[in-house]
Structure formats: C-alpha cells, structure tokens
Amino acid sequence: MGGPIIGGFAEKYSDQVKSLSFIAPAGFGKVQASIPFFMKIPGVIEWAMHVLADRFYGSAISSETTHSSDPLSINEEEFQYLFSFQMQFKGFRESLASTMRNFNLFDAREMFEKVAAKNIPSIAIWGDNDGIVSYKGAETYSEIFQEGKVITIEDGTHDITYRQPSQILKALKDYL
C-alpha cells in the first residue's frame, strides 16, 4: 500500500517532499478491481475479518520467497512470527476492512500523474517476479514518472525488502 500512500502524501504536501522511493509499489495497474457488493454493506467486511482472517493471515500464510542467500534477510520462521504478530494489535483487522472498502490499491495512475507533474525525483525498486504487485507496473511507472528510475531486482518477488535487503539498501543508498 506504500505506493499510493506516499503518492497521496506527495500530491497533498509536495513542498515537504524531496524525493520518492517506491518499493514494489501498488497503484500502477491498469485495472480497478472491485470488491463484491455485499462486502460494501456496513459490518460485513468487519465480520469477515474477525471470523475468517486467521484462515487467511494466520499460520497458513507464507511469503513468496522462502529462502534467500542475503545475509541480512529474515528466514521463513521470522516472517511467520512478524506477520502474525501484527494481527494481535487492536484495530488491525478493522484497518484491513477499511482499506478493502475505501482504498484504491490497484489503479492510482491519475494521482501519480499529478505527483509526476510536480517534478519530484523518484525511484522504483521492483522484483521482476513479483506475484503480488505485477512487475508490469514498472512500465506504467516509467510512462508516468518519465524522469524516474527503475531498479529491477532479478528473481525478486514482493518480499524483496526482507529477502534481498542488501540489494534494496544499495539501490536506495546509491539513489539518495
């Protein structure tokens, strides 16, 4: 969700933004997915998140990349713990429900175009094997942020921040 979040902030508060660093960013798709109509009924998503979330976000959840040779990466057991830990916080499930109902994760191109017009330097770091946010979005990013730079993490999935952190850190360090 970081792509649309930092884009929205930059659109509204561009005077406070020196550069943008996108990592596997959502919002560069060309399809606006919609949730089923019944999930828009107040209380339905909230109920589903409380009753079913453990099935989707519990111990059965796994990352896209289960192993990395990067010495700074976290292992699958750490991933499981950290991912499950966040579900314990009051409001976590409600925030997911609100996001599903109100937040455009898929096609935020209109907002990104407004941000690009502000000429804020930007970089997008993307895994070319991302199964959550398609690498095809890098093309859209390049069309919108014509002066922006794309760094491709070879064989990288959506898990690049914790499976290939050394590459991410180097790319950000070089950029900044």
N, C-alpha and C. Protein backbone atom coordinates (compact mmCIF):
# COMPACT_ATOMS: atom_id res chain seq x y z
N MET A 1 0.81 -1.20 0.00
CA MET A 1 0.00 0.00 0.00
C MET A 1 0.85 1.26 0.00
N GLY A 2 2.16 1.07 0.15
CA GLY A 2 3.04 2.22 0.29
C GLY A 2 3.05 3.15 -0.91
N GLY A 3 2.95 2.59 -2.12
CA GLY A 3 2.98 3.44 -3.31
C GLY A 3 1.88 4.49 -3.31
N PRO A 4 0.62 4.07 -3.19
CA PRO A 4 -0.45 5.07 -3.14
C PRO A 4 -0.38 5.97 -1.91
N ILE A 5 0.14 5.46 -0.81
CA ILE A 5 0.23 6.28 0.40
C ILE A 5 1.24 7.40 0.20
N ILE A 6 2.46 7.07 -0.26
CA ILE A 6 3.45 8.14 -0.43
C ILE A 6 3.06 9.05 -1.60
N GLY A 7 2.40 8.49 -2.61
CA GLY A 7 1.92 9.32 -3.71
C GLY A 7 0.88 10.31 -3.25
N GLY A 8 -0.06 9.84 -2.43
CA GLY A 8 -1.09 10.73 -1.90
C GLY A 8 -0.50 11.82 -1.03
N PHE A 9 0.49 11.46 -0.21
CA PHE A 9 1.14 12.46 0.63
C PHE A 9 1.87 13.48 -0.25
N ALA A 10 2.59 13.00 -1.25
CA ALA A 10 3.35 13.90 -2.13
C ALA A 10 2.44 14.82 -2.93
N GLU A 11 1.27 14.30 -3.31
CA GLU A 11 0.32 15.13 -4.04
C GLU A 11 -0.18 16.28 -3.15
N LYS A 12 -0.45 15.96 -1.91
CA LYS A 12 -1.03 16.95 -0.99
C LYS A 12 0.02 17.87 -0.36
N TYR A 13 1.21 17.32 -0.07
CA TYR A 13 2.24 18.08 0.65
C TYR A 13 3.56 18.09 -0.12
N SER A 14 3.52 18.38 -1.38
CA SER A 14 4.72 18.29 -2.21
C SER A 14 5.84 19.22 -1.72
N ASP A 15 5.50 20.27 -1.03
CA ASP A 15 6.52 21.17 -0.50
C ASP A 15 7.36 20.51 0.59
N GLN A 16 6.89 19.39 1.15
CA GLN A 16 7.60 18.68 2.20
C GLN A 16 8.34 17.44 1.68
N VAL A 17 8.29 17.22 0.36
CA VAL A 17 8.85 16.00 -0.22
C VAL A 17 10.03 16.35 -1.13
N LYS A 18 11.21 15.77 -0.84
CA LYS A 18 12.39 16.00 -1.66
C LYS A 18 12.54 14.93 -2.73
N SER A 19 12.11 13.70 -2.44
CA SER A 19 12.18 12.61 -3.41
C SER A 19 11.21 11.51 -3.00
N LEU A 20 10.94 10.63 -3.94
CA LEU A 20 10.05 9.49 -3.70
C LEU A 20 10.80 8.20 -3.96
N SER A 21 10.68 7.26 -3.05
CA SER A 21 11.30 5.94 -3.21
C SER A 21 10.21 4.88 -3.10
N PHE A 22 9.85 4.32 -4.23
CA PHE A 22 8.82 3.29 -4.28
C PHE A 22 9.49 1.92 -4.22
N ILE A 23 8.96 1.01 -3.42
CA ILE A 23 9.46 -0.36 -3.38
C ILE A 23 8.28 -1.28 -3.62
N ALA A 24 8.30 -2.00 -4.76
CA ALA A 24 7.22 -2.91 -5.16
C ALA A 24 5.86 -2.22 -4.98
N PRO A 25 5.69 -1.05 -5.59
CA PRO A 25 4.51 -0.24 -5.28
C PRO A 25 3.22 -0.68 -5.96
N ALA A 26 2.15 -0.67 -5.19
CA ALA A 26 0.82 -0.86 -5.73
C ALA A 26 0.39 0.44 -6.42
N GLY A 27 -0.68 0.36 -7.18
CA GLY A 27 -1.27 1.56 -7.76
C GLY A 27 -0.90 1.84 -9.20
N PHE A 28 0.01 1.06 -9.77
CA PHE A 28 0.42 1.30 -11.16
C PHE A 28 -0.23 0.31 -12.12
N GLY A 29 -1.29 -0.36 -11.65
CA GLY A 29 -2.02 -1.28 -12.52
C GLY A 29 -2.98 -0.53 -13.41
N LYS A 30 -3.56 -1.22 -14.34
CA LYS A 30 -4.50 -0.59 -15.26
C LYS A 30 -5.90 -1.14 -15.10
N VAL A 31 -6.15 -1.76 -13.95
CA VAL A 31 -7.46 -2.32 -13.67
C VAL A 31 -7.86 -1.91 -12.28
N GLN A 32 -9.07 -1.41 -12.15
CA GLN A 32 -9.59 -1.11 -10.82
C GLN A 32 -10.43 -2.30 -10.39
N ALA A 33 -9.86 -3.12 -9.53
CA ALA A 33 -10.59 -4.27 -9.01
C ALA A 33 -11.66 -3.76 -8.05
N SER A 34 -12.75 -4.47 -8.00
CA SER A 34 -13.80 -4.07 -7.07
C SER A 34 -14.11 -5.24 -6.16
N ILE A 35 -14.58 -4.90 -4.99
CA ILE A 35 -14.97 -5.94 -4.05
C ILE A 35 -16.43 -6.27 -4.30
N PRO A 36 -16.87 -7.47 -3.97
CA PRO A 36 -18.27 -7.83 -4.18
C PRO A 36 -19.21 -6.87 -3.46
N PHE A 37 -20.37 -6.60 -4.03
CA PHE A 37 -21.31 -5.62 -3.49
C PHE A 37 -21.65 -5.87 -2.03
N PHE A 38 -21.81 -7.14 -1.64
CA PHE A 38 -22.22 -7.44 -0.27
C PHE A 38 -21.14 -7.07 0.74
N MET A 39 -19.88 -6.99 0.29
CA MET A 39 -18.80 -6.61 1.20
C MET A 39 -18.84 -5.11 1.50
N LYS A 40 -19.62 -4.35 0.73
CA LYS A 40 -19.74 -2.91 0.98
C LYS A 40 -20.80 -2.60 2.02
N ILE A 41 -21.60 -3.60 2.38
CA ILE A 41 -22.62 -3.41 3.40
C ILE A 41 -21.91 -3.23 4.74
N PRO A 42 -22.21 -2.16 5.47
CA PRO A 42 -21.52 -1.93 6.75
C PRO A 42 -21.58 -3.16 7.65
N GLY A 43 -20.42 -3.53 8.16
CA GLY A 43 -20.32 -4.64 9.08
C GLY A 43 -19.92 -5.97 8.45
N VAL A 44 -20.15 -6.15 7.16
CA VAL A 44 -19.86 -7.44 6.51
C VAL A 44 -18.36 -7.70 6.44
N ILE A 45 -17.59 -6.72 5.97
CA ILE A 45 -16.14 -6.90 5.90
C ILE A 45 -15.57 -7.07 7.30
N GLU A 46 -16.06 -6.26 8.22
CA GLU A 46 -15.58 -6.35 9.60
C GLU A 46 -15.83 -7.75 10.18
N TRP A 47 -17.04 -8.27 9.94
CA TRP A 47 -17.36 -9.61 10.40
C TRP A 47 -16.42 -10.63 9.76
N ALA A 48 -16.24 -10.53 8.45
CA ALA A 48 -15.38 -11.47 7.73
C ALA A 48 -13.95 -11.40 8.26
N MET A 49 -13.45 -10.21 8.56
CA MET A 49 -12.09 -10.07 9.05
C MET A 49 -11.93 -10.71 10.43
N HIS A 50 -12.96 -10.64 11.26
CA HIS A 50 -12.86 -11.23 12.60
C HIS A 50 -13.05 -12.75 12.56
N VAL A 51 -13.89 -13.22 11.67
CA VAL A 51 -14.18 -14.65 11.64
C VAL A 51 -13.21 -15.42 10.75
N LEU A 52 -12.83 -14.82 9.62
CA LEU A 52 -12.05 -15.55 8.63
C LEU A 52 -10.59 -15.14 8.51
N ALA A 53 -10.20 -14.02 9.09
CA ALA A 53 -8.84 -13.50 8.89
C ALA A 53 -7.76 -14.48 9.31
N ASP A 54 -7.99 -15.21 10.39
CA ASP A 54 -6.99 -16.18 10.84
C ASP A 54 -6.70 -17.23 9.78
N ARG A 55 -7.72 -17.56 9.00
CA ARG A 55 -7.53 -18.55 7.93
C ARG A 55 -6.65 -17.98 6.81
N PHE A 56 -6.77 -16.68 6.58
CA PHE A 56 -6.00 -16.06 5.51
C PHE A 56 -4.67 -15.51 5.98
N TYR A 57 -4.64 -15.02 7.21
CA TYR A 57 -3.45 -14.35 7.72
C TYR A 57 -2.81 -15.07 8.89
N GLY A 58 -3.24 -16.25 9.20
CA GLY A 58 -2.70 -16.99 10.34
C GLY A 58 -1.47 -17.77 9.96
N SER A 59 -1.31 -18.91 10.59
CA SER A 59 -0.11 -19.71 10.37
C SER A 59 0.00 -20.26 8.96
N ALA A 60 -1.09 -20.23 8.20
CA ALA A 60 -1.05 -20.76 6.83
C ALA A 60 -0.39 -19.77 5.86
N ILE A 61 -0.27 -18.53 6.27
CA ILE A 61 0.31 -17.53 5.36
C ILE A 61 1.79 -17.82 5.16
N SER A 62 2.23 -17.65 3.96
CA SER A 62 3.66 -17.81 3.69
C SER A 62 4.09 -16.72 2.73
N SER A 63 5.35 -16.46 2.72
CA SER A 63 5.88 -15.44 1.84
C SER A 63 6.09 -16.05 0.46
N GLU A 64 6.35 -15.19 -0.51
CA GLU A 64 6.60 -15.67 -1.87
C GLU A 64 7.96 -16.33 -1.99
N THR A 65 8.91 -15.86 -1.21
CA THR A 65 10.27 -16.38 -1.26
C THR A 65 10.60 -16.99 0.09
N THR A 66 10.86 -18.26 0.12
CA THR A 66 11.09 -18.91 1.41
C THR A 66 12.55 -18.95 1.82
N HIS A 67 13.47 -18.63 0.89
CA HIS A 67 14.89 -18.68 1.21
C HIS A 67 15.62 -17.59 0.45
N SER A 68 16.64 -17.07 1.09
CA SER A 68 17.49 -16.07 0.45
C SER A 68 18.91 -16.25 0.94
N SER A 69 19.86 -16.03 0.06
CA SER A 69 21.26 -16.11 0.46
C SER A 69 21.77 -14.78 1.00
N ASP A 70 20.93 -13.76 0.98
CA ASP A 70 21.32 -12.45 1.51
C ASP A 70 21.53 -12.57 3.02
N PRO A 71 22.71 -12.19 3.53
CA PRO A 71 22.99 -12.33 4.96
C PRO A 71 22.10 -11.46 5.85
N LEU A 72 21.44 -10.45 5.27
CA LEU A 72 20.56 -9.58 6.06
C LEU A 72 19.09 -10.02 6.00
N SER A 73 18.79 -11.06 5.23
CA SER A 73 17.40 -11.47 5.07
C SER A 73 16.86 -12.12 6.34
N ILE A 74 15.55 -12.14 6.44
CA ILE A 74 14.93 -12.88 7.54
C ILE A 74 14.47 -14.23 7.01
N ASN A 75 14.43 -15.23 7.87
CA ASN A 75 14.01 -16.56 7.43
C ASN A 75 12.49 -16.69 7.51
N GLU A 76 11.99 -17.81 7.03
CA GLU A 76 10.54 -18.03 6.98
C GLU A 76 9.90 -18.01 8.36
N GLU A 77 10.58 -18.58 9.35
CA GLU A 77 10.04 -18.59 10.70
C GLU A 77 9.89 -17.17 11.24
N GLU A 78 10.87 -16.32 11.01
CA GLU A 78 10.78 -14.93 11.44
C GLU A 78 9.65 -14.21 10.71
N PHE A 79 9.53 -14.48 9.41
CA PHE A 79 8.45 -13.89 8.63
C PHE A 79 7.10 -14.25 9.23
N GLN A 80 6.89 -15.53 9.49
CA GLN A 80 5.62 -16.01 10.06
C GLN A 80 5.32 -15.29 11.37
N TYR A 81 6.32 -15.21 12.23
CA TYR A 81 6.13 -14.57 13.53
C TYR A 81 5.76 -13.09 13.37
N LEU A 82 6.53 -12.37 12.56
CA LEU A 82 6.30 -10.94 12.40
C LEU A 82 4.97 -10.65 11.74
N PHE A 83 4.61 -11.45 10.74
CA PHE A 83 3.34 -11.24 10.05
C PHE A 83 2.17 -11.52 10.99
N SER A 84 2.23 -12.60 11.73
CA SER A 84 1.15 -12.96 12.65
C SER A 84 1.08 -11.99 13.84
N PHE A 85 2.21 -11.49 14.28
CA PHE A 85 2.27 -10.60 15.43
C PHE A 85 1.41 -9.36 15.23
N GLN A 86 1.43 -8.80 14.01
CA GLN A 86 0.69 -7.56 13.77
C GLN A 86 -0.82 -7.75 13.91
N MET A 87 -1.30 -8.97 13.73
CA MET A 87 -2.73 -9.23 13.84
C MET A 87 -3.24 -9.10 15.27
N GLN A 88 -2.35 -9.09 16.23
CA GLN A 88 -2.75 -9.00 17.63
C GLN A 88 -3.14 -7.59 18.05
N PHE A 89 -2.74 -6.60 17.27
CA PHE A 89 -2.99 -5.21 17.64
C PHE A 89 -4.45 -4.83 17.40
N LYS A 90 -5.01 -4.16 18.37
CA LYS A 90 -6.38 -3.69 18.26
C LYS A 90 -6.47 -2.75 17.06
N GLY A 91 -7.44 -2.99 16.21
CA GLY A 91 -7.65 -2.16 15.04
C GLY A 91 -7.04 -2.69 13.76
N PHE A 92 -6.16 -3.71 13.85
CA PHE A 92 -5.52 -4.24 12.65
C PHE A 92 -6.55 -4.75 11.65
N ARG A 93 -7.45 -5.59 12.11
CA ARG A 93 -8.45 -6.18 11.21
C ARG A 93 -9.40 -5.12 10.68
N GLU A 94 -9.76 -4.17 11.53
CA GLU A 94 -10.65 -3.10 11.09
C GLU A 94 -9.98 -2.24 10.03
N SER A 95 -8.68 -2.02 10.19
CA SER A 95 -7.97 -1.20 9.19
C SER A 95 -7.89 -1.94 7.85
N LEU A 96 -7.72 -3.26 7.89
CA LEU A 96 -7.75 -4.03 6.64
C LEU A 96 -9.12 -3.94 5.98
N ALA A 97 -10.17 -4.04 6.79
CA ALA A 97 -11.53 -3.95 6.25
C ALA A 97 -11.76 -2.58 5.62
N SER A 98 -11.33 -1.53 6.31
CA SER A 98 -11.48 -0.18 5.77
C SER A 98 -10.69 0.00 4.48
N THR A 99 -9.51 -0.57 4.45
CA THR A 99 -8.69 -0.50 3.25
C THR A 99 -9.39 -1.17 2.08
N MET A 100 -9.93 -2.35 2.31
CA MET A 100 -10.62 -3.07 1.25
C MET A 100 -11.81 -2.26 0.72
N ARG A 101 -12.49 -1.56 1.60
CA ARG A 101 -13.68 -0.82 1.21
C ARG A 101 -13.35 0.53 0.57
N ASN A 102 -12.29 1.20 1.04
CA ASN A 102 -12.11 2.60 0.69
C ASN A 102 -10.83 2.98 -0.05
N PHE A 103 -9.87 2.10 -0.15
CA PHE A 103 -8.55 2.49 -0.66
C PHE A 103 -8.30 1.89 -2.03
N ASN A 104 -7.87 2.72 -2.96
CA ASN A 104 -7.59 2.26 -4.31
C ASN A 104 -6.15 1.76 -4.39
N LEU A 105 -6.00 0.45 -4.30
CA LEU A 105 -4.67 -0.17 -4.36
C LEU A 105 -4.22 -0.49 -5.78
N PHE A 106 -5.13 -0.51 -6.70
CA PHE A 106 -4.82 -1.07 -8.00
C PHE A 106 -4.50 -0.04 -9.07
N ASP A 107 -5.34 0.97 -9.23
CA ASP A 107 -5.13 1.94 -10.29
C ASP A 107 -5.16 3.35 -9.72
N ALA A 108 -4.00 3.83 -9.32
CA ALA A 108 -3.87 5.18 -8.77
C ALA A 108 -3.13 6.08 -9.77
N ARG A 109 -3.23 5.72 -11.06
CA ARG A 109 -2.47 6.45 -12.07
C ARG A 109 -2.81 7.94 -12.12
N GLU A 110 -4.07 8.28 -11.96
CA GLU A 110 -4.46 9.69 -12.00
C GLU A 110 -3.74 10.49 -10.93
N MET A 111 -3.69 9.95 -9.72
CA MET A 111 -2.99 10.63 -8.62
C MET A 111 -1.49 10.68 -8.91
N PHE A 112 -0.92 9.56 -9.39
CA PHE A 112 0.51 9.54 -9.70
C PHE A 112 0.86 10.55 -10.79
N GLU A 113 -0.01 10.75 -11.76
CA GLU A 113 0.24 11.74 -12.82
C GLU A 113 0.32 13.15 -12.24
N LYS A 114 -0.53 13.44 -11.27
CA LYS A 114 -0.48 14.75 -10.60
C LYS A 114 0.83 14.92 -9.85
N VAL A 115 1.29 13.85 -9.21
CA VAL A 115 2.55 13.89 -8.48
C VAL A 115 3.71 14.08 -9.45
N ALA A 116 3.70 13.34 -10.55
CA ALA A 116 4.78 13.43 -11.54
C ALA A 116 4.89 14.85 -12.10
N ALA A 117 3.78 15.53 -12.23
CA ALA A 117 3.78 16.90 -12.75
C ALA A 117 4.50 17.87 -11.81
N LYS A 118 4.71 17.46 -10.57
CA LYS A 118 5.40 18.30 -9.59
C LYS A 118 6.93 18.14 -9.69
N ASN A 119 7.38 17.25 -10.58
CA ASN A 119 8.81 17.05 -10.85
C ASN A 119 9.62 16.69 -9.60
N ILE A 120 9.08 15.82 -8.79
CA ILE A 120 9.78 15.32 -7.62
C ILE A 120 10.62 14.13 -8.07
N PRO A 121 11.91 14.13 -7.82
CA PRO A 121 12.74 12.98 -8.22
C PRO A 121 12.21 11.68 -7.61
N SER A 122 12.27 10.60 -8.39
CA SER A 122 11.73 9.34 -7.87
C SER A 122 12.49 8.13 -8.39
N ILE A 123 12.34 7.05 -7.64
CA ILE A 123 12.92 5.75 -7.99
C ILE A 123 11.88 4.69 -7.64
N ALA A 124 11.85 3.63 -8.44
CA ALA A 124 11.00 2.47 -8.13
C ALA A 124 11.89 1.23 -8.14
N ILE A 125 11.85 0.48 -7.07
CA ILE A 125 12.62 -0.75 -6.95
C ILE A 125 11.61 -1.89 -6.98
N TRP A 126 11.80 -2.82 -7.92
CA TRP A 126 10.78 -3.84 -8.16
C TRP A 126 11.43 -5.18 -8.42
N GLY A 127 10.85 -6.22 -7.90
CA GLY A 127 11.27 -7.58 -8.24
C GLY A 127 10.61 -8.00 -9.53
N ASP A 128 11.36 -8.58 -10.43
CA ASP A 128 10.79 -8.96 -11.73
C ASP A 128 9.93 -10.22 -11.67
N ASN A 129 9.79 -10.79 -10.47
CA ASN A 129 8.96 -11.97 -10.30
C ASN A 129 7.93 -11.73 -9.18
N ASP A 130 7.47 -10.49 -9.06
CA ASP A 130 6.54 -10.10 -8.00
C ASP A 130 5.15 -10.67 -8.31
N GLY A 131 4.66 -11.53 -7.44
CA GLY A 131 3.35 -12.14 -7.63
C GLY A 131 2.23 -11.39 -6.94
N ILE A 132 2.53 -10.33 -6.24
CA ILE A 132 1.52 -9.53 -5.55
C ILE A 132 1.23 -8.26 -6.33
N VAL A 133 2.28 -7.53 -6.68
CA VAL A 133 2.15 -6.31 -7.48
C VAL A 133 2.98 -6.53 -8.75
N SER A 134 2.31 -6.76 -9.82
CA SER A 134 2.97 -7.16 -11.07
C SER A 134 4.09 -6.20 -11.48
N TYR A 135 5.17 -6.80 -11.93
CA TYR A 135 6.31 -6.03 -12.45
C TYR A 135 5.91 -5.22 -13.68
N LYS A 136 4.81 -5.58 -14.33
CA LYS A 136 4.32 -4.80 -15.47
C LYS A 136 4.03 -3.36 -15.06
N GLY A 137 3.77 -3.15 -13.79
CA GLY A 137 3.55 -1.79 -13.28
C GLY A 137 4.77 -0.90 -13.45
N ALA A 138 5.96 -1.51 -13.57
CA ALA A 138 7.17 -0.71 -13.79
C ALA A 138 7.09 0.05 -15.10
N GLU A 139 6.46 -0.54 -16.10
CA GLU A 139 6.27 0.16 -17.37
C GLU A 139 5.38 1.38 -17.18
N THR A 140 4.30 1.21 -16.45
CA THR A 140 3.39 2.32 -16.19
C THR A 140 4.09 3.40 -15.37
N TYR A 141 4.86 2.97 -14.37
CA TYR A 141 5.65 3.92 -13.58
C TYR A 141 6.54 4.76 -14.52
N SER A 142 7.24 4.09 -15.44
CA SER A 142 8.15 4.79 -16.35
C SER A 142 7.41 5.74 -17.30
N GLU A 143 6.20 5.38 -17.68
CA GLU A 143 5.40 6.27 -18.52
C GLU A 143 4.99 7.52 -17.75
N ILE A 144 4.65 7.35 -16.49
CA ILE A 144 4.18 8.47 -15.68
C ILE A 144 5.33 9.31 -15.15
N PHE A 145 6.30 8.65 -14.53
CA PHE A 145 7.47 9.33 -13.98
C PHE A 145 8.60 9.21 -15.00
N GLN A 146 8.53 10.00 -16.06
CA GLN A 146 9.47 9.87 -17.18
C GLN A 146 10.91 10.11 -16.78
N GLU A 147 11.13 10.90 -15.75
CA GLU A 147 12.48 11.15 -15.26
C GLU A 147 12.87 10.18 -14.14
N GLY A 148 11.93 9.34 -13.74
CA GLY A 148 12.18 8.39 -12.66
C GLY A 148 13.05 7.24 -13.11
N LYS A 149 13.58 6.55 -12.14
CA LYS A 149 14.47 5.43 -12.42
C LYS A 149 13.86 4.15 -11.87
N VAL A 150 13.98 3.07 -12.64
CA VAL A 150 13.52 1.76 -12.17
C VAL A 150 14.74 0.89 -11.90
N ILE A 151 14.79 0.31 -10.72
CA ILE A 151 15.81 -0.67 -10.36
C ILE A 151 15.11 -2.01 -10.29
N THR A 152 15.58 -2.97 -11.07
CA THR A 152 14.97 -4.30 -11.10
C THR A 152 15.81 -5.26 -10.27
N ILE A 153 15.13 -5.94 -9.34
CA ILE A 153 15.77 -6.98 -8.55
C ILE A 153 15.50 -8.30 -9.26
N GLU A 154 16.56 -8.88 -9.81
CA GLU A 154 16.44 -10.14 -10.56
C GLU A 154 15.86 -11.23 -9.67
N ASP A 155 14.86 -11.92 -10.18
CA ASP A 155 14.18 -13.00 -9.47
C ASP A 155 13.55 -12.53 -8.16
N GLY A 156 13.39 -11.25 -8.01
CA GLY A 156 12.79 -10.71 -6.80
C GLY A 156 11.28 -10.82 -6.82
N THR A 157 10.71 -11.17 -5.68
CA THR A 157 9.27 -11.24 -5.52
C THR A 157 8.81 -10.01 -4.74
N HIS A 158 7.61 -10.04 -4.23
CA HIS A 158 7.12 -8.91 -3.45
C HIS A 158 7.84 -8.83 -2.10
N ASP A 159 8.55 -9.87 -1.77
CA ASP A 159 9.25 -9.97 -0.49
C ASP A 159 10.64 -9.33 -0.50
N ILE A 160 10.94 -8.51 -1.49
CA ILE A 160 12.32 -8.04 -1.67
C ILE A 160 12.88 -7.27 -0.49
N THR A 161 12.04 -6.62 0.29
CA THR A 161 12.57 -5.83 1.40
C THR A 161 13.16 -6.69 2.50
N TYR A 162 12.68 -7.90 2.65
CA TYR A 162 13.27 -8.76 3.68
C TYR A 162 13.94 -10.00 3.14
N ARG A 163 13.84 -10.26 1.85
CA ARG A 163 14.57 -11.39 1.25
C ARG A 163 15.83 -10.94 0.51
N GLN A 164 15.82 -9.73 -0.02
CA GLN A 164 17.00 -9.17 -0.68
C GLN A 164 17.30 -7.77 -0.14
N PRO A 165 17.36 -7.62 1.18
CA PRO A 165 17.53 -6.28 1.75
C PRO A 165 18.85 -5.62 1.36
N SER A 166 19.90 -6.39 1.14
CA SER A 166 21.18 -5.78 0.76
C SER A 166 21.06 -5.06 -0.58
N GLN A 167 20.34 -5.66 -1.51
CA GLN A 167 20.15 -5.03 -2.82
C GLN A 167 19.27 -3.79 -2.71
N ILE A 168 18.25 -3.88 -1.87
CA ILE A 168 17.37 -2.73 -1.66
C ILE A 168 18.15 -1.58 -1.03
N LEU A 169 18.90 -1.90 0.00
CA LEU A 169 19.68 -0.86 0.69
C LEU A 169 20.70 -0.21 -0.24
N LYS A 170 21.37 -1.01 -1.06
CA LYS A 170 22.34 -0.45 -2.00
C LYS A 170 21.65 0.47 -3.00
N ALA A 171 20.51 0.02 -3.55
CA ALA A 171 19.79 0.84 -4.52
C ALA A 171 19.35 2.16 -3.90
N LEU A 172 18.81 2.11 -2.68
CA LEU A 172 18.38 3.34 -2.02
C LEU A 172 19.57 4.24 -1.68
N LYS A 173 20.63 3.64 -1.19
CA LYS A 173 21.84 4.42 -0.85
C LYS A 173 22.39 5.12 -2.09
N ASP A 174 22.50 4.38 -3.19
CA ASP A 174 23.01 4.96 -4.42
C ASP A 174 22.10 6.09 -4.92
N TYR A 175 20.81 5.89 -4.80
CA TYR A 175 19.84 6.89 -5.25
C TYR A 175 19.88 8.14 -4.39
N LEU A 176 19.86 7.93 -3.08
CA LEU A 176 19.81 9.07 -2.17
C LEU A 176 21.16 9.79 -2.11
